[in-house]
Each structure stands twice: as C-alpha cells, then as structure tokens.
C-alpha cells in the first residue's frame, strides 16, 4: 500500500483541520496517511524525517504568518538539510497547503516556499488540480471548492474563530481532494517506477 506523509505545523488548530482532511482524502483513495504534527521549533525532527524518507509522497502544510510559512515550520524545513546531501527524497512526490485569515494574505509566497523546499530535495511537485470556481467572486460561498482560486496548492482561509467552524466546508473538501489526488498520483508513480526498473533489468 502507498504511504503519504503529511508534515504540518498548526498554530491555532485551523491548519490541523486541513491536515486531517488531507489525511481523509488519502484514505479515500485507499492509501495510508501518516500525520506528522510539528509541535515546536525545539523538538527532535529526526523521526519525522525518517517517516518522510520511508513514504511514497509527502504533503507539507503550514499556516501563512507575515506572508510566509510559520517560523516553526521553517525550522523543520531547515532541519531536513540532514537528508539534502544524501538525496534521500529525490524523485519523491510532494504537495502543499496553507491557511491564513485573509483571502490573499500572500499565501502564494508560503506555497512557493513549500514548493521550493521540495525542489531543493529534487522532489516532484503535485499541484492542486482543481479549476477555480466558475462563478463570480460574490457567489463564492463557504461551501465552494477552491474558492480562493489557487493552482500550485491549497490556499484556505480561516476566520478568527474556533477550528470547529472555520475554515469552512469548501476549504475542507478542497483539502480532502488534495490528499486524494496526491495518493492516486503516488500509486501511479510507484507503478511506473516498478515498471521502469523491470525494463532496466530486461535490457
């Protein structure tokens, strides 16, 4: 069975809601999610790095603070330099999600940081794969899928309220669809890698 690691930091619980929905999507695709919650900048990241190394794909998640990923997530990202020099994550699939209070909030910068982290490791980025809503901005309610209109990854929006009620249903479903998409892509990627290895032996 294909394994998808979900490495994320959540400052107030809203990004964790998305991580749980991403994991649900992985399970809906018949695959296994491994949730790796980053609690603090001082924790030992070695077990997380080991889990990601073993996984077929990884989905990074972080809130957007001051126009970029949270500082706690950045400390984790820097700690992955321990496997950078061994190319342990090369050719693995990766994707990302973020969340902020504003509809814009410079979330694209945060998603770019996640994509660049993956690129530094030689990973292959999986985009959101969902078209923006085919309605006017005024018609985009809380149940709308990809209501922010992102492409590179999931951009969610949360109000200053309990994670039980925000981010709204549309953002949660978009997170689930991202998990499902990455899990299915990882299965195809693994099958293709096995086939290529077989061809190499035949040659």
N, C-alpha and C. Protein backbone atom coordinates (compact mmCIF):
# COMPACT_ATOMS: atom_id res chain seq x y z
N UNK A 1 0.84 -1.20 0.00
CA UNK A 1 0.00 0.00 0.00
C UNK A 1 0.88 1.25 0.00
N UNK A 2 0.45 2.28 -0.69
CA UNK A 2 1.20 3.52 -0.80
C UNK A 2 1.01 4.36 0.47
N UNK A 3 2.09 4.97 0.93
CA UNK A 3 2.07 5.79 2.13
C UNK A 3 2.32 7.25 1.79
N UNK A 4 1.49 8.12 2.34
CA UNK A 4 1.64 9.57 2.13
C UNK A 4 1.85 10.23 3.49
N UNK A 5 3.02 10.83 3.69
CA UNK A 5 3.30 11.56 4.92
C UNK A 5 2.70 12.97 4.81
N UNK A 6 2.17 13.45 5.92
CA UNK A 6 1.60 14.80 5.97
C UNK A 6 2.31 15.53 7.10
N UNK A 7 3.30 16.34 6.76
CA UNK A 7 4.11 17.05 7.75
C UNK A 7 3.60 18.49 7.84
N UNK A 8 3.12 18.88 9.02
CA UNK A 8 2.46 20.18 9.12
C UNK A 8 2.67 20.81 10.49
N UNK A 9 2.56 22.13 10.51
CA UNK A 9 2.50 22.89 11.76
C UNK A 9 1.18 23.64 11.79
N UNK A 10 0.58 23.73 12.95
CA UNK A 10 -0.67 24.46 13.10
C UNK A 10 -0.59 25.29 14.37
N UNK A 11 -0.68 26.60 14.23
CA UNK A 11 -0.56 27.46 15.39
C UNK A 11 -1.80 27.52 16.26
N UNK A 12 -2.98 27.49 15.64
CA UNK A 12 -4.22 27.67 16.39
C UNK A 12 -5.27 26.59 16.10
N UNK A 13 -4.87 25.56 15.35
CA UNK A 13 -5.78 24.45 15.09
C UNK A 13 -6.44 24.46 13.73
N UNK A 14 -6.41 25.59 13.02
CA UNK A 14 -7.09 25.67 11.73
C UNK A 14 -6.35 24.89 10.65
N UNK A 15 -5.03 24.98 10.64
CA UNK A 15 -4.26 24.22 9.65
C UNK A 15 -4.31 22.73 9.96
N UNK A 16 -4.46 22.39 11.24
CA UNK A 16 -4.60 20.98 11.61
C UNK A 16 -5.90 20.39 11.06
N UNK A 17 -6.96 21.18 11.05
CA UNK A 17 -8.22 20.74 10.45
C UNK A 17 -7.99 20.33 9.00
N UNK A 18 -7.23 21.14 8.28
CA UNK A 18 -6.93 20.84 6.88
C UNK A 18 -6.08 19.58 6.77
N UNK A 19 -5.11 19.43 7.66
CA UNK A 19 -4.25 18.24 7.63
C UNK A 19 -5.08 16.97 7.81
N UNK A 20 -6.05 17.04 8.72
CA UNK A 20 -6.91 15.87 8.96
C UNK A 20 -7.75 15.55 7.72
N UNK A 21 -8.21 16.59 7.03
CA UNK A 21 -9.00 16.36 5.80
C UNK A 21 -8.11 15.83 4.68
N UNK A 22 -6.88 16.31 4.59
CA UNK A 22 -5.93 15.76 3.61
C UNK A 22 -5.74 14.27 3.87
N UNK A 23 -5.57 13.91 5.14
CA UNK A 23 -5.41 12.50 5.50
C UNK A 23 -6.66 11.70 5.12
N UNK A 24 -7.83 12.28 5.29
CA UNK A 24 -9.08 11.62 4.90
C UNK A 24 -9.08 11.33 3.40
N UNK A 25 -8.61 12.29 2.62
CA UNK A 25 -8.54 12.09 1.18
C UNK A 25 -7.60 10.98 0.79
N UNK A 26 -6.48 10.88 1.49
CA UNK A 26 -5.54 9.78 1.23
C UNK A 26 -6.21 8.45 1.51
N UNK A 27 -6.93 8.38 2.62
CA UNK A 27 -7.65 7.14 2.95
C UNK A 27 -8.75 6.84 1.94
N UNK A 28 -9.44 7.88 1.46
CA UNK A 28 -10.50 7.68 0.47
C UNK A 28 -9.94 7.10 -0.83
N UNK A 29 -8.66 7.36 -1.09
CA UNK A 29 -8.00 6.80 -2.28
C UNK A 29 -7.48 5.40 -2.01
N UNK A 30 -7.74 4.88 -0.82
CA UNK A 30 -7.33 3.52 -0.49
C UNK A 30 -5.88 3.40 -0.03
N UNK A 31 -5.27 4.53 0.35
CA UNK A 31 -3.87 4.51 0.73
C UNK A 31 -3.72 4.94 2.20
N UNK A 32 -2.48 4.95 2.69
CA UNK A 32 -2.22 5.16 4.11
C UNK A 32 -1.60 6.53 4.39
N UNK A 33 -2.28 7.38 5.16
CA UNK A 33 -1.69 8.66 5.55
C UNK A 33 -0.89 8.51 6.84
N UNK A 34 0.18 9.28 6.97
CA UNK A 34 0.96 9.33 8.20
C UNK A 34 1.04 10.79 8.61
N UNK A 35 0.29 11.16 9.65
CA UNK A 35 0.24 12.55 10.10
C UNK A 35 1.44 12.84 11.00
N UNK A 36 2.17 13.89 10.66
CA UNK A 36 3.36 14.29 11.40
C UNK A 36 3.17 15.74 11.83
N UNK A 37 2.66 15.92 13.04
CA UNK A 37 2.38 17.27 13.53
C UNK A 37 3.62 17.87 14.18
N UNK A 38 4.07 18.98 13.64
CA UNK A 38 5.22 19.70 14.17
C UNK A 38 4.73 20.55 15.35
N UNK A 39 5.20 20.23 16.55
CA UNK A 39 4.71 20.90 17.75
C UNK A 39 5.50 22.14 18.12
N UNK A 40 6.83 22.09 17.95
CA UNK A 40 7.65 23.22 18.36
C UNK A 40 8.95 23.24 17.57
N UNK A 41 9.63 24.36 17.65
CA UNK A 41 10.90 24.52 16.93
C UNK A 41 12.04 23.79 17.61
N UNK A 42 11.81 23.30 18.84
CA UNK A 42 12.90 22.67 19.59
C UNK A 42 12.79 21.14 19.63
N UNK A 43 11.78 20.58 18.99
CA UNK A 43 11.61 19.14 19.06
C UNK A 43 12.62 18.42 18.18
N UNK A 44 12.73 17.12 18.38
CA UNK A 44 13.61 16.29 17.56
C UNK A 44 12.88 15.95 16.26
N UNK A 45 13.39 16.44 15.14
CA UNK A 45 12.73 16.21 13.86
C UNK A 45 13.19 14.92 13.18
N UNK A 46 14.16 14.24 13.74
CA UNK A 46 14.70 13.03 13.11
C UNK A 46 13.63 11.98 12.82
N UNK A 47 12.70 11.69 13.76
CA UNK A 47 11.66 10.70 13.45
C UNK A 47 10.77 11.12 12.29
N UNK A 48 10.47 12.43 12.18
CA UNK A 48 9.65 12.92 11.08
C UNK A 48 10.38 12.76 9.75
N UNK A 49 11.65 13.11 9.75
CA UNK A 49 12.45 12.99 8.53
C UNK A 49 12.54 11.53 8.10
N UNK A 50 12.65 10.64 9.06
CA UNK A 50 12.70 9.20 8.75
C UNK A 50 11.38 8.72 8.14
N UNK A 51 10.25 9.19 8.70
CA UNK A 51 8.94 8.79 8.17
C UNK A 51 8.75 9.29 6.74
N UNK A 52 9.17 10.53 6.48
CA UNK A 52 9.05 11.08 5.13
C UNK A 52 9.94 10.31 4.16
N UNK A 53 11.12 9.93 4.62
CA UNK A 53 12.03 9.16 3.78
C UNK A 53 11.42 7.82 3.38
N UNK A 54 10.68 7.22 4.30
CA UNK A 54 10.05 5.92 4.02
C UNK A 54 8.80 6.05 3.16
N UNK A 55 8.14 7.22 3.19
CA UNK A 55 6.87 7.41 2.50
C UNK A 55 7.05 7.52 0.98
N UNK A 56 5.97 7.25 0.27
CA UNK A 56 5.98 7.38 -1.19
C UNK A 56 5.79 8.82 -1.63
N UNK A 57 5.15 9.62 -0.78
CA UNK A 57 4.90 11.03 -1.09
C UNK A 57 4.78 11.79 0.21
N UNK A 58 4.90 13.11 0.14
CA UNK A 58 4.73 13.95 1.32
C UNK A 58 3.92 15.18 0.95
N UNK A 59 3.06 15.59 1.86
CA UNK A 59 2.30 16.82 1.70
C UNK A 59 2.67 17.73 2.87
N UNK A 60 3.26 18.87 2.55
CA UNK A 60 3.67 19.83 3.56
C UNK A 60 2.53 20.81 3.84
N UNK A 61 2.37 21.18 5.10
CA UNK A 61 1.33 22.14 5.45
C UNK A 61 1.79 23.10 6.53
N UNK A 62 1.46 24.38 6.35
CA UNK A 62 1.83 25.39 7.35
C UNK A 62 0.90 26.58 7.23
N UNK A 63 0.62 27.25 8.33
CA UNK A 63 -0.13 28.50 8.23
C UNK A 63 0.75 29.57 7.61
N UNK A 64 0.14 30.55 7.02
CA UNK A 64 0.87 31.70 6.49
C UNK A 64 0.88 32.79 7.55
N UNK A 65 2.07 33.09 8.06
CA UNK A 65 2.27 34.17 9.01
C UNK A 65 3.18 35.21 8.37
N UNK A 66 2.76 36.45 8.37
CA UNK A 66 3.58 37.53 7.83
C UNK A 66 4.06 37.22 6.41
N UNK A 67 3.19 36.61 5.62
CA UNK A 67 3.48 36.39 4.21
C UNK A 67 4.35 35.20 3.89
N UNK A 68 4.57 34.30 4.84
CA UNK A 68 5.38 33.11 4.57
C UNK A 68 4.97 32.01 5.54
N UNK A 69 5.59 30.83 5.40
CA UNK A 69 5.29 29.73 6.31
C UNK A 69 5.66 30.14 7.74
N UNK A 70 5.04 29.51 8.70
CA UNK A 70 5.32 29.82 10.10
C UNK A 70 6.78 29.55 10.44
N UNK A 71 7.30 30.27 11.41
CA UNK A 71 8.68 30.09 11.82
C UNK A 71 8.98 28.68 12.29
N UNK A 72 8.01 28.07 12.97
CA UNK A 72 8.21 26.69 13.45
C UNK A 72 8.39 25.74 12.28
N UNK A 73 7.56 25.91 11.25
CA UNK A 73 7.73 25.04 10.08
C UNK A 73 9.06 25.29 9.41
N UNK A 74 9.50 26.55 9.36
CA UNK A 74 10.77 26.86 8.71
C UNK A 74 11.94 26.18 9.43
N UNK A 75 11.86 26.09 10.75
CA UNK A 75 12.92 25.38 11.50
C UNK A 75 12.94 23.90 11.08
N UNK A 76 11.76 23.32 10.95
CA UNK A 76 11.69 21.93 10.46
C UNK A 76 12.28 21.82 9.06
N UNK A 77 11.91 22.75 8.18
CA UNK A 77 12.42 22.72 6.81
C UNK A 77 13.95 22.78 6.80
N UNK A 78 14.51 23.64 7.63
CA UNK A 78 15.98 23.74 7.70
C UNK A 78 16.59 22.44 8.22
N UNK A 79 15.88 21.76 9.12
CA UNK A 79 16.40 20.51 9.67
C UNK A 79 16.46 19.40 8.63
N UNK A 80 15.68 19.53 7.56
CA UNK A 80 15.71 18.49 6.52
C UNK A 80 17.00 18.53 5.71
N UNK A 81 17.86 19.50 5.98
CA UNK A 81 19.17 19.54 5.33
C UNK A 81 19.97 18.27 5.66
N UNK A 82 19.57 17.59 6.72
CA UNK A 82 20.28 16.35 7.09
C UNK A 82 20.15 15.27 6.02
N UNK A 83 19.07 15.35 5.21
CA UNK A 83 18.93 14.37 4.12
C UNK A 83 19.15 15.01 2.75
N UNK A 84 19.33 16.32 2.73
CA UNK A 84 19.58 17.01 1.46
C UNK A 84 20.83 16.47 0.77
N UNK A 85 21.87 16.27 1.54
CA UNK A 85 23.16 15.88 0.96
C UNK A 85 23.20 14.42 0.53
N UNK A 86 22.21 13.65 0.94
CA UNK A 86 22.15 12.23 0.53
C UNK A 86 21.14 12.00 -0.58
N UNK A 87 20.40 13.04 -0.97
CA UNK A 87 19.35 12.94 -2.00
C UNK A 87 18.31 11.88 -1.64
N UNK A 88 18.05 11.71 -0.34
CA UNK A 88 17.13 10.67 0.11
C UNK A 88 15.70 10.90 -0.34
N UNK A 89 15.34 12.16 -0.62
CA UNK A 89 13.97 12.45 -1.03
C UNK A 89 13.86 12.71 -2.53
N UNK A 90 14.93 12.51 -3.25
CA UNK A 90 14.91 12.79 -4.68
C UNK A 90 13.87 11.92 -5.40
N UNK A 91 13.11 12.54 -6.28
CA UNK A 91 12.07 11.89 -7.10
C UNK A 91 10.84 11.47 -6.32
N UNK A 92 10.75 11.81 -5.03
CA UNK A 92 9.53 11.57 -4.27
C UNK A 92 8.50 12.63 -4.68
N UNK A 93 7.22 12.31 -4.59
CA UNK A 93 6.17 13.29 -4.89
C UNK A 93 5.92 14.18 -3.67
N UNK A 94 5.59 15.45 -3.93
CA UNK A 94 5.31 16.38 -2.84
C UNK A 94 4.19 17.32 -3.25
N UNK A 95 3.50 17.87 -2.26
CA UNK A 95 2.45 18.86 -2.47
C UNK A 95 2.36 19.71 -1.22
N UNK A 96 1.47 20.73 -1.22
CA UNK A 96 1.42 21.58 -0.05
C UNK A 96 0.09 22.30 0.13
N UNK A 97 -0.12 22.75 1.37
CA UNK A 97 -1.31 23.53 1.69
C UNK A 97 -0.97 24.57 2.76
N UNK A 98 -1.73 25.66 2.73
CA UNK A 98 -1.53 26.71 3.71
C UNK A 98 -2.86 27.36 4.04
N UNK A 99 -2.85 28.22 5.04
CA UNK A 99 -4.07 28.79 5.55
C UNK A 99 -3.75 30.15 6.19
N UNK A 100 -4.64 31.12 5.99
CA UNK A 100 -4.46 32.41 6.67
C UNK A 100 -5.81 33.05 6.89
N UNK A 101 -5.81 34.16 7.61
CA UNK A 101 -7.07 34.85 7.88
C UNK A 101 -7.59 35.57 6.64
N UNK A 102 -6.69 36.14 5.85
CA UNK A 102 -7.09 36.89 4.66
C UNK A 102 -7.30 35.97 3.47
N UNK A 103 -8.09 36.43 2.51
CA UNK A 103 -8.26 35.65 1.29
C UNK A 103 -6.96 35.60 0.49
N UNK A 104 -6.20 36.68 0.52
CA UNK A 104 -4.89 36.69 -0.14
C UNK A 104 -3.83 36.38 0.91
N UNK A 105 -3.49 37.38 1.71
CA UNK A 105 -2.56 37.15 2.80
C UNK A 105 -1.18 36.72 2.36
N UNK A 106 -0.89 36.89 1.06
CA UNK A 106 0.39 36.44 0.49
C UNK A 106 0.62 34.94 0.68
N UNK A 107 -0.50 34.19 0.65
CA UNK A 107 -0.39 32.74 0.77
C UNK A 107 0.41 32.11 -0.37
N UNK A 108 0.40 32.75 -1.53
CA UNK A 108 1.19 32.21 -2.65
C UNK A 108 2.66 32.14 -2.28
N UNK A 109 3.14 33.12 -1.54
CA UNK A 109 4.54 33.11 -1.11
C UNK A 109 4.81 31.89 -0.23
N UNK A 110 3.88 31.59 0.68
CA UNK A 110 4.05 30.42 1.54
C UNK A 110 4.05 29.13 0.73
N UNK A 111 3.12 29.02 -0.23
CA UNK A 111 3.09 27.82 -1.07
C UNK A 111 4.36 27.71 -1.91
N UNK A 112 4.87 28.86 -2.38
CA UNK A 112 6.14 28.82 -3.12
C UNK A 112 7.27 28.33 -2.23
N UNK A 113 7.26 28.72 -0.96
CA UNK A 113 8.29 28.24 -0.03
C UNK A 113 8.23 26.72 0.12
N UNK A 114 7.01 26.18 0.18
CA UNK A 114 6.85 24.73 0.29
C UNK A 114 7.32 24.04 -0.99
N UNK A 115 6.97 24.62 -2.14
CA UNK A 115 7.38 24.04 -3.42
C UNK A 115 8.90 24.11 -3.60
N UNK A 116 9.50 25.20 -3.15
CA UNK A 116 10.95 25.33 -3.27
C UNK A 116 11.65 24.35 -2.33
N UNK A 117 11.09 24.14 -1.15
CA UNK A 117 11.64 23.12 -0.25
C UNK A 117 11.67 21.77 -0.96
N UNK A 118 10.56 21.42 -1.61
CA UNK A 118 10.50 20.16 -2.36
C UNK A 118 11.53 20.15 -3.50
N UNK A 119 11.65 21.27 -4.20
CA UNK A 119 12.59 21.35 -5.31
C UNK A 119 14.03 21.21 -4.84
N UNK A 120 14.34 21.78 -3.67
CA UNK A 120 15.69 21.65 -3.12
C UNK A 120 16.07 20.19 -2.92
N UNK A 121 15.06 19.39 -2.60
CA UNK A 121 15.29 17.96 -2.38
C UNK A 121 15.14 17.14 -3.67
N UNK A 122 14.89 17.80 -4.80
CA UNK A 122 14.74 17.08 -6.06
C UNK A 122 13.43 16.33 -6.17
N UNK A 123 12.42 16.78 -5.42
CA UNK A 123 11.12 16.12 -5.44
C UNK A 123 10.28 16.65 -6.59
N UNK A 124 9.19 15.96 -6.89
CA UNK A 124 8.28 16.33 -7.97
C UNK A 124 6.98 16.86 -7.38
N UNK A 125 6.66 18.11 -7.72
CA UNK A 125 5.53 18.80 -7.11
C UNK A 125 4.22 18.44 -7.79
N UNK A 126 3.22 18.13 -6.99
CA UNK A 126 1.86 17.84 -7.48
C UNK A 126 1.00 19.06 -7.17
N UNK A 127 0.44 19.68 -8.21
CA UNK A 127 -0.39 20.87 -7.97
C UNK A 127 -1.79 20.48 -7.51
N UNK A 128 -2.61 21.49 -7.24
CA UNK A 128 -3.95 21.23 -6.70
C UNK A 128 -4.84 20.50 -7.70
N UNK A 129 -4.74 20.87 -8.98
CA UNK A 129 -5.51 20.16 -10.00
C UNK A 129 -7.00 20.43 -9.97
N UNK A 130 -7.39 21.56 -9.41
CA UNK A 130 -8.80 21.93 -9.34
C UNK A 130 -8.97 23.32 -9.95
N UNK A 131 -9.87 23.44 -10.90
CA UNK A 131 -10.11 24.74 -11.52
C UNK A 131 -10.75 25.70 -10.52
N UNK A 132 -10.54 26.99 -10.68
CA UNK A 132 -11.23 27.95 -9.80
C UNK A 132 -12.74 27.90 -10.05
N UNK A 133 -13.52 28.37 -9.11
CA UNK A 133 -14.97 28.32 -9.26
C UNK A 133 -15.45 29.06 -10.50
N UNK A 134 -16.42 28.49 -11.18
CA UNK A 134 -16.96 29.11 -12.40
C UNK A 134 -18.08 30.07 -12.10
N UNK A 135 -17.96 30.80 -11.00
CA UNK A 135 -18.98 31.78 -10.62
C UNK A 135 -18.26 33.07 -10.22
N UNK A 136 -19.01 34.14 -10.08
CA UNK A 136 -18.40 35.40 -9.66
C UNK A 136 -17.91 35.30 -8.22
N UNK A 137 -16.99 36.18 -7.87
CA UNK A 137 -16.45 36.18 -6.50
C UNK A 137 -17.56 36.35 -5.47
N UNK A 138 -18.56 37.14 -5.81
CA UNK A 138 -19.66 37.39 -4.88
C UNK A 138 -20.48 36.14 -4.62
N UNK A 139 -20.44 35.20 -5.56
CA UNK A 139 -21.23 33.98 -5.42
C UNK A 139 -20.46 32.85 -4.75
N UNK A 140 -19.21 33.08 -4.43
CA UNK A 140 -18.38 32.04 -3.82
C UNK A 140 -18.64 31.96 -2.32
N UNK A 141 -19.50 31.06 -1.95
CA UNK A 141 -19.85 30.90 -0.55
C UNK A 141 -18.90 29.96 0.18
N UNK A 142 -19.14 29.69 1.45
CA UNK A 142 -18.26 28.85 2.25
C UNK A 142 -18.19 27.39 1.81
N UNK A 143 -19.15 26.96 1.00
CA UNK A 143 -19.14 25.57 0.53
C UNK A 143 -18.44 25.42 -0.83
N UNK A 144 -17.93 26.50 -1.38
CA UNK A 144 -17.33 26.48 -2.71
C UNK A 144 -15.96 25.80 -2.68
N UNK A 145 -15.74 24.88 -3.62
CA UNK A 145 -14.45 24.21 -3.75
C UNK A 145 -13.43 25.18 -4.35
N UNK A 146 -12.22 25.18 -3.82
CA UNK A 146 -11.14 26.07 -4.29
C UNK A 146 -11.65 27.50 -4.45
N UNK A 147 -12.31 27.99 -3.43
CA UNK A 147 -12.95 29.31 -3.51
C UNK A 147 -11.95 30.45 -3.64
N UNK A 148 -10.70 30.22 -3.18
CA UNK A 148 -9.67 31.25 -3.30
C UNK A 148 -9.10 31.28 -4.73
N UNK A 149 -9.23 30.17 -5.45
CA UNK A 149 -8.77 30.10 -6.83
C UNK A 149 -7.28 29.86 -6.94
N UNK A 150 -6.76 28.91 -6.17
CA UNK A 150 -5.33 28.60 -6.18
C UNK A 150 -5.04 27.47 -7.16
N UNK A 151 -3.82 27.38 -7.64
CA UNK A 151 -3.42 26.31 -8.54
C UNK A 151 -2.24 25.50 -7.99
N UNK A 152 -1.23 26.17 -7.45
CA UNK A 152 0.00 25.49 -7.04
C UNK A 152 -0.22 24.58 -5.83
N UNK A 153 -1.20 24.91 -5.02
CA UNK A 153 -1.52 24.10 -3.85
C UNK A 153 -2.79 24.62 -3.22
N UNK A 154 -3.13 24.09 -2.05
CA UNK A 154 -4.35 24.50 -1.38
C UNK A 154 -4.13 25.80 -0.60
N UNK A 155 -4.94 26.80 -0.88
CA UNK A 155 -4.96 28.05 -0.12
C UNK A 155 -6.31 28.13 0.59
N UNK A 156 -6.28 28.03 1.90
CA UNK A 156 -7.51 28.09 2.68
C UNK A 156 -7.58 29.39 3.46
N UNK A 157 -8.79 29.72 3.90
CA UNK A 157 -9.00 30.95 4.66
C UNK A 157 -9.79 30.64 5.91
N UNK A 158 -9.29 31.11 7.04
CA UNK A 158 -9.98 30.89 8.31
C UNK A 158 -10.26 32.21 9.02
N UNK A 159 -11.42 32.31 9.60
CA UNK A 159 -11.74 33.48 10.41
C UNK A 159 -11.12 33.32 11.80
N UNK A 160 -11.14 34.39 12.57
CA UNK A 160 -10.64 34.32 13.95
C UNK A 160 -11.72 33.73 14.84
N UNK A 161 -11.93 32.43 14.67
CA UNK A 161 -12.96 31.70 15.40
C UNK A 161 -12.47 30.28 15.62
N UNK A 162 -13.24 29.49 16.29
CA UNK A 162 -12.86 28.12 16.63
C UNK A 162 -12.61 27.28 15.38
N UNK A 163 -11.61 26.38 15.42
CA UNK A 163 -11.37 25.46 14.30
C UNK A 163 -12.54 24.52 14.04
N UNK A 164 -13.47 24.46 14.97
CA UNK A 164 -14.66 23.63 14.77
C UNK A 164 -15.56 24.20 13.68
N UNK A 165 -15.45 25.52 13.43
CA UNK A 165 -16.34 26.13 12.45
C UNK A 165 -15.60 26.80 11.28
N UNK A 166 -14.31 26.96 11.38
CA UNK A 166 -13.53 27.58 10.33
C UNK A 166 -12.15 26.97 10.27
N UNK A 167 -11.58 26.66 9.11
CA UNK A 167 -12.04 27.01 7.76
C UNK A 167 -13.35 26.31 7.39
N UNK A 168 -14.06 26.88 6.43
CA UNK A 168 -15.39 26.37 6.09
C UNK A 168 -15.35 25.08 5.28
N UNK A 169 -16.54 24.57 5.01
CA UNK A 169 -16.69 23.27 4.36
C UNK A 169 -16.00 23.18 3.01
N UNK A 170 -16.06 24.25 2.22
CA UNK A 170 -15.45 24.21 0.89
C UNK A 170 -13.94 24.03 0.96
N UNK A 171 -13.30 24.72 1.89
CA UNK A 171 -11.86 24.58 2.05
C UNK A 171 -11.49 23.19 2.57
N UNK A 172 -12.30 22.66 3.46
CA UNK A 172 -12.06 21.32 3.99
C UNK A 172 -12.17 20.27 2.89
N UNK A 173 -13.17 20.44 2.04
CA UNK A 173 -13.34 19.48 0.94
C UNK A 173 -12.19 19.62 -0.07
N UNK A 174 -11.73 20.83 -0.29
CA UNK A 174 -10.59 21.02 -1.18
C UNK A 174 -9.36 20.32 -0.63
N UNK A 175 -9.18 20.37 0.68
CA UNK A 175 -8.07 19.67 1.33
C UNK A 175 -8.20 18.16 1.14
N UNK A 176 -9.43 17.66 1.29
CA UNK A 176 -9.65 16.22 1.09
C UNK A 176 -9.30 15.82 -0.34
N UNK A 177 -9.70 16.64 -1.29
CA UNK A 177 -9.42 16.34 -2.69
C UNK A 177 -7.93 16.38 -2.99
N UNK A 178 -7.19 17.27 -2.32
CA UNK A 178 -5.74 17.31 -2.49
C UNK A 178 -5.11 16.01 -2.00
N UNK A 179 -5.53 15.54 -0.84
CA UNK A 179 -5.00 14.28 -0.32
C UNK A 179 -5.30 13.11 -1.24
N UNK A 180 -6.50 13.08 -1.78
CA UNK A 180 -6.89 12.02 -2.70
C UNK A 180 -6.06 12.09 -3.98
N UNK A 181 -5.84 13.29 -4.49
CA UNK A 181 -5.07 13.46 -5.72
C UNK A 181 -3.62 13.00 -5.55
N UNK A 182 -3.01 13.40 -4.46
CA UNK A 182 -1.61 13.02 -4.23
C UNK A 182 -1.49 11.51 -4.02
N UNK A 183 -2.42 10.92 -3.29
CA UNK A 183 -2.37 9.48 -3.07
C UNK A 183 -2.48 8.70 -4.38
N UNK A 184 -3.40 9.12 -5.23
CA UNK A 184 -3.57 8.44 -6.53
C UNK A 184 -2.33 8.64 -7.41
N UNK A 185 -1.77 9.84 -7.36
CA UNK A 185 -0.56 10.11 -8.14
C UNK A 185 0.60 9.26 -7.64
N UNK A 186 0.69 9.09 -6.32
CA UNK A 186 1.76 8.29 -5.74
C UNK A 186 1.66 6.82 -6.16
N UNK A 187 0.43 6.34 -6.26
CA UNK A 187 0.24 4.95 -6.72
C UNK A 187 0.73 4.82 -8.16
N UNK A 188 0.33 5.75 -9.02
CA UNK A 188 0.78 5.70 -10.41
C UNK A 188 2.30 5.83 -10.50
N UNK A 189 2.86 6.70 -9.69
CA UNK A 189 4.30 6.93 -9.70
C UNK A 189 5.05 5.66 -9.28
N UNK A 190 4.53 4.99 -8.27
CA UNK A 190 5.17 3.76 -7.79
C UNK A 190 5.09 2.64 -8.82
N UNK A 191 3.95 2.52 -9.47
CA UNK A 191 3.78 1.51 -10.51
C UNK A 191 4.74 1.80 -11.67
N UNK A 192 4.82 3.07 -12.05
CA UNK A 192 5.72 3.44 -13.14
C UNK A 192 7.18 3.17 -12.79
N UNK A 193 7.55 3.44 -11.55
CA UNK A 193 8.93 3.20 -11.13
C UNK A 193 9.25 1.71 -11.16
N UNK A 194 8.29 0.88 -10.75
CA UNK A 194 8.50 -0.57 -10.78
C UNK A 194 8.63 -1.08 -12.20
N UNK A 195 7.79 -0.54 -13.08
CA UNK A 195 7.86 -0.94 -14.49
C UNK A 195 9.19 -0.54 -15.12
N UNK A 196 9.64 0.67 -14.79
CA UNK A 196 10.92 1.14 -15.34
C UNK A 196 12.07 0.29 -14.83
N UNK A 197 11.99 -0.12 -13.56
CA UNK A 197 13.04 -0.97 -13.02
C UNK A 197 13.07 -2.32 -13.72
N UNK A 198 11.87 -2.83 -14.05
CA UNK A 198 11.78 -4.10 -14.77
C UNK A 198 12.36 -4.02 -16.17
N UNK A 199 12.13 -2.89 -16.83
CA UNK A 199 12.67 -2.70 -18.16
C UNK A 199 14.19 -2.61 -18.12
N UNK A 200 14.69 -1.99 -17.05
CA UNK A 200 16.13 -1.86 -16.91
C UNK A 200 16.80 -3.21 -16.76
N UNK A 201 16.14 -4.10 -16.01
CA UNK A 201 16.70 -5.45 -15.82
C UNK A 201 16.65 -6.24 -17.12
N UNK A 202 15.53 -6.02 -17.90
CA UNK A 202 15.38 -6.75 -19.15
C UNK A 202 16.45 -6.34 -20.16
N UNK A 203 16.84 -5.06 -20.10
CA UNK A 203 17.85 -4.55 -21.02
C UNK A 203 19.22 -5.13 -20.70
